[in-house]
Amino acid sequence: MILYQLAKWMEERDLLQRTIRQGEGDTRLLLQQKEQVEAQLLAQANIWLAASTGFHEIISGEERGQSGL
């Protein structure tokens, strides 16, 4: 189920990126939605990393100096 959700988030992110590039719709809203999806992806990746390595301090992309995926 987790991999299914990850695949759906990636699909949504790709669709948002294509729509933004094509200039369709409200770009500001689309960028905000894309950032939310990327935050979900990053949060889930950090949870998996923490669980698989025993590392319990989850670091966000912004804390590492990354602005997005």
N, C-alpha and C. Protein backbone atom coordinates (compact mmCIF):
# COMPACT_ATOMS: atom_id res chain seq x y z
N MET A 1 0.82 -1.20 0.00
CA MET A 1 0.00 0.00 0.00
C MET A 1 0.87 1.26 0.00
N ILE A 2 1.99 1.22 0.73
CA ILE A 2 2.87 2.40 0.79
C ILE A 2 3.47 2.68 -0.59
N LEU A 3 3.90 1.64 -1.29
CA LEU A 3 4.47 1.84 -2.62
C LEU A 3 3.42 2.36 -3.60
N TYR A 4 2.18 1.91 -3.45
CA TYR A 4 1.10 2.41 -4.29
C TYR A 4 0.92 3.91 -4.06
N GLN A 5 0.92 4.34 -2.80
CA GLN A 5 0.75 5.76 -2.49
C GLN A 5 1.93 6.56 -3.05
N LEU A 6 3.13 6.02 -2.93
CA LEU A 6 4.31 6.69 -3.48
C LEU A 6 4.17 6.86 -4.99
N ALA A 7 3.73 5.82 -5.66
CA ALA A 7 3.53 5.89 -7.11
C ALA A 7 2.48 6.93 -7.47
N LYS A 8 1.42 7.02 -6.70
CA LYS A 8 0.37 8.01 -6.97
C LYS A 8 0.90 9.43 -6.77
N TRP A 9 1.71 9.65 -5.72
CA TRP A 9 2.29 10.97 -5.49
C TRP A 9 3.23 11.35 -6.62
N MET A 10 4.03 10.39 -7.10
CA MET A 10 4.95 10.67 -8.21
C MET A 10 4.16 11.00 -9.48
N GLU A 11 3.10 10.28 -9.71
CA GLU A 11 2.24 10.53 -10.86
C GLU A 11 1.62 11.93 -10.78
N GLU A 12 1.15 12.29 -9.61
CA GLU A 12 0.56 13.62 -9.40
C GLU A 12 1.61 14.71 -9.60
N ARG A 13 2.81 14.48 -9.08
CA ARG A 13 3.90 15.44 -9.22
C ARG A 13 4.25 15.64 -10.70
N ASP A 14 4.35 14.54 -11.44
CA ASP A 14 4.66 14.63 -12.87
C ASP A 14 3.58 15.39 -13.63
N LEU A 15 2.32 15.12 -13.31
CA LEU A 15 1.21 15.82 -13.96
C LEU A 15 1.27 17.31 -13.65
N LEU A 16 1.53 17.66 -12.41
CA LEU A 16 1.63 19.07 -12.03
C LEU A 16 2.80 19.74 -12.76
N GLN A 17 3.93 19.07 -12.86
CA GLN A 17 5.08 19.64 -13.56
C GLN A 17 4.75 19.90 -15.03
N ARG A 18 4.11 18.93 -15.68
CA ARG A 18 3.74 19.11 -17.09
C ARG A 18 2.77 20.27 -17.26
N THR A 19 1.78 20.36 -16.38
CA THR A 19 0.78 21.42 -16.46
C THR A 19 1.43 22.78 -16.25
N ILE A 20 2.37 22.87 -15.31
CA ILE A 20 3.07 24.13 -15.06
C ILE A 20 3.89 24.52 -16.29
N ARG A 21 4.63 23.56 -16.86
CA ARG A 21 5.44 23.85 -18.06
C ARG A 21 4.58 24.32 -19.23
N GLN A 22 3.39 23.77 -19.36
CA GLN A 22 2.51 24.13 -20.47
C GLN A 22 1.79 25.45 -20.23
N GLY A 23 1.90 25.98 -19.03
CA GLY A 23 1.29 27.27 -18.72
C GLY A 23 -0.21 27.21 -18.58
N GLU A 24 -0.75 26.05 -18.26
CA GLU A 24 -2.19 25.90 -18.12
C GLU A 24 -2.59 26.10 -16.66
N GLY A 25 -3.67 26.80 -16.44
CA GLY A 25 -4.19 26.97 -15.09
C GLY A 25 -3.47 28.04 -14.29
N ASP A 26 -3.77 28.08 -13.02
CA ASP A 26 -3.19 29.04 -12.08
C ASP A 26 -1.82 28.51 -11.65
N THR A 27 -0.76 29.08 -12.21
CA THR A 27 0.59 28.59 -11.97
C THR A 27 0.95 28.63 -10.50
N ARG A 28 0.57 29.69 -9.80
CA ARG A 28 0.89 29.80 -8.38
C ARG A 28 0.25 28.66 -7.58
N LEU A 29 -1.00 28.37 -7.87
CA LEU A 29 -1.69 27.28 -7.18
C LEU A 29 -1.06 25.93 -7.53
N LEU A 30 -0.72 25.74 -8.80
CA LEU A 30 -0.09 24.49 -9.22
C LEU A 30 1.26 24.29 -8.56
N LEU A 31 2.05 25.36 -8.45
CA LEU A 31 3.34 25.27 -7.78
C LEU A 31 3.16 24.92 -6.30
N GLN A 32 2.16 25.49 -5.68
CA GLN A 32 1.88 25.19 -4.27
C GLN A 32 1.50 23.72 -4.11
N GLN A 33 0.67 23.22 -5.01
CA GLN A 33 0.26 21.82 -4.94
C GLN A 33 1.46 20.90 -5.16
N LYS A 34 2.33 21.27 -6.11
CA LYS A 34 3.53 20.48 -6.38
C LYS A 34 4.44 20.45 -5.16
N GLU A 35 4.60 21.58 -4.49
CA GLU A 35 5.42 21.63 -3.29
C GLU A 35 4.84 20.74 -2.18
N GLN A 36 3.52 20.70 -2.07
CA GLN A 36 2.88 19.85 -1.06
C GLN A 36 3.13 18.37 -1.35
N VAL A 37 3.03 18.00 -2.62
CA VAL A 37 3.27 16.61 -3.01
C VAL A 37 4.73 16.25 -2.75
N GLU A 38 5.64 17.16 -3.09
CA GLU A 38 7.06 16.90 -2.85
C GLU A 38 7.35 16.78 -1.35
N ALA A 39 6.68 17.56 -0.54
CA ALA A 39 6.86 17.46 0.91
C ALA A 39 6.38 16.11 1.41
N GLN A 40 5.28 15.60 0.86
CA GLN A 40 4.78 14.28 1.24
C GLN A 40 5.78 13.20 0.86
N LEU A 41 6.32 13.32 -0.35
CA LEU A 41 7.31 12.34 -0.81
C LEU A 41 8.55 12.35 0.08
N LEU A 42 9.05 13.54 0.38
CA LEU A 42 10.24 13.67 1.22
C LEU A 42 9.99 13.13 2.63
N ALA A 43 8.83 13.45 3.17
CA ALA A 43 8.50 12.97 4.52
C ALA A 43 8.45 11.44 4.55
N GLN A 44 7.84 10.84 3.54
CA GLN A 44 7.76 9.37 3.51
C GLN A 44 9.15 8.77 3.32
N ALA A 45 9.97 9.37 2.47
CA ALA A 45 11.33 8.86 2.27
C ALA A 45 12.13 8.93 3.57
N ASN A 46 11.97 10.02 4.31
CA ASN A 46 12.67 10.15 5.59
C ASN A 46 12.20 9.12 6.60
N ILE A 47 10.91 8.83 6.60
CA ILE A 47 10.37 7.81 7.50
C ILE A 47 10.98 6.45 7.17
N TRP A 48 11.04 6.12 5.86
CA TRP A 48 11.63 4.85 5.46
C TRP A 48 13.11 4.80 5.82
N LEU A 49 13.82 5.90 5.60
CA LEU A 49 15.23 5.95 5.92
C LEU A 49 15.45 5.75 7.41
N ALA A 50 14.67 6.43 8.21
CA ALA A 50 14.80 6.31 9.67
C ALA A 50 14.51 4.88 10.12
N ALA A 51 13.50 4.27 9.52
CA ALA A 51 13.13 2.92 9.91
C ALA A 51 14.19 1.90 9.47
N SER A 52 14.76 2.10 8.30
CA SER A 52 15.70 1.12 7.77
C SER A 52 17.10 1.27 8.36
N THR A 53 17.44 2.45 8.83
CA THR A 53 18.79 2.67 9.36
C THR A 53 18.82 2.83 10.87
N GLY A 54 17.66 2.95 11.47
CA GLY A 54 17.60 3.20 12.90
C GLY A 54 17.89 4.64 13.25
N PHE A 55 17.96 5.48 12.24
CA PHE A 55 18.23 6.91 12.42
C PHE A 55 16.91 7.59 12.73
N HIS A 56 16.78 8.19 13.91
CA HIS A 56 15.49 8.71 14.35
C HIS A 56 15.32 10.20 14.17
N GLU A 57 16.37 10.91 13.83
CA GLU A 57 16.24 12.35 13.61
C GLU A 57 16.00 12.58 12.13
N ILE A 58 14.78 12.91 11.80
CA ILE A 58 14.40 13.10 10.41
C ILE A 58 14.75 14.52 9.99
N ILE A 59 15.45 14.63 8.85
CA ILE A 59 15.92 15.92 8.36
C ILE A 59 15.11 16.31 7.14
N SER A 60 14.55 17.51 7.14
CA SER A 60 13.77 17.96 5.99
C SER A 60 14.70 18.46 4.91
N GLY A 61 14.20 18.57 3.68
CA GLY A 61 14.97 19.08 2.56
C GLY A 61 15.43 20.49 2.79
N GLU A 62 14.61 21.33 3.40
CA GLU A 62 14.98 22.71 3.65
C GLU A 62 16.13 22.80 4.65
N GLU A 63 16.14 21.91 5.65
CA GLU A 63 17.21 21.90 6.62
C GLU A 63 18.53 21.49 5.99
N ARG A 64 18.47 20.68 4.91
CA ARG A 64 19.69 20.26 4.22
C ARG A 64 20.05 21.24 3.11
N GLY A 65 19.24 22.27 2.92
CA GLY A 65 19.52 23.27 1.89
C GLY A 65 18.94 22.93 0.53
N GLN A 66 18.01 22.00 0.48
CA GLN A 66 17.37 21.63 -0.78
C GLN A 66 16.01 22.30 -0.83
N SER A 67 15.66 22.84 -2.00
CA SER A 67 14.38 23.53 -2.12
C SER A 67 13.28 22.63 -2.66
N GLY A 68 13.60 21.49 -3.19
CA GLY A 68 12.58 20.60 -3.71
C GLY A 68 13.18 19.41 -4.39
N LEU A 69 12.32 18.49 -4.88
CA LEU A 69 12.80 17.28 -5.55
C LEU A 69 13.08 17.52 -6.99
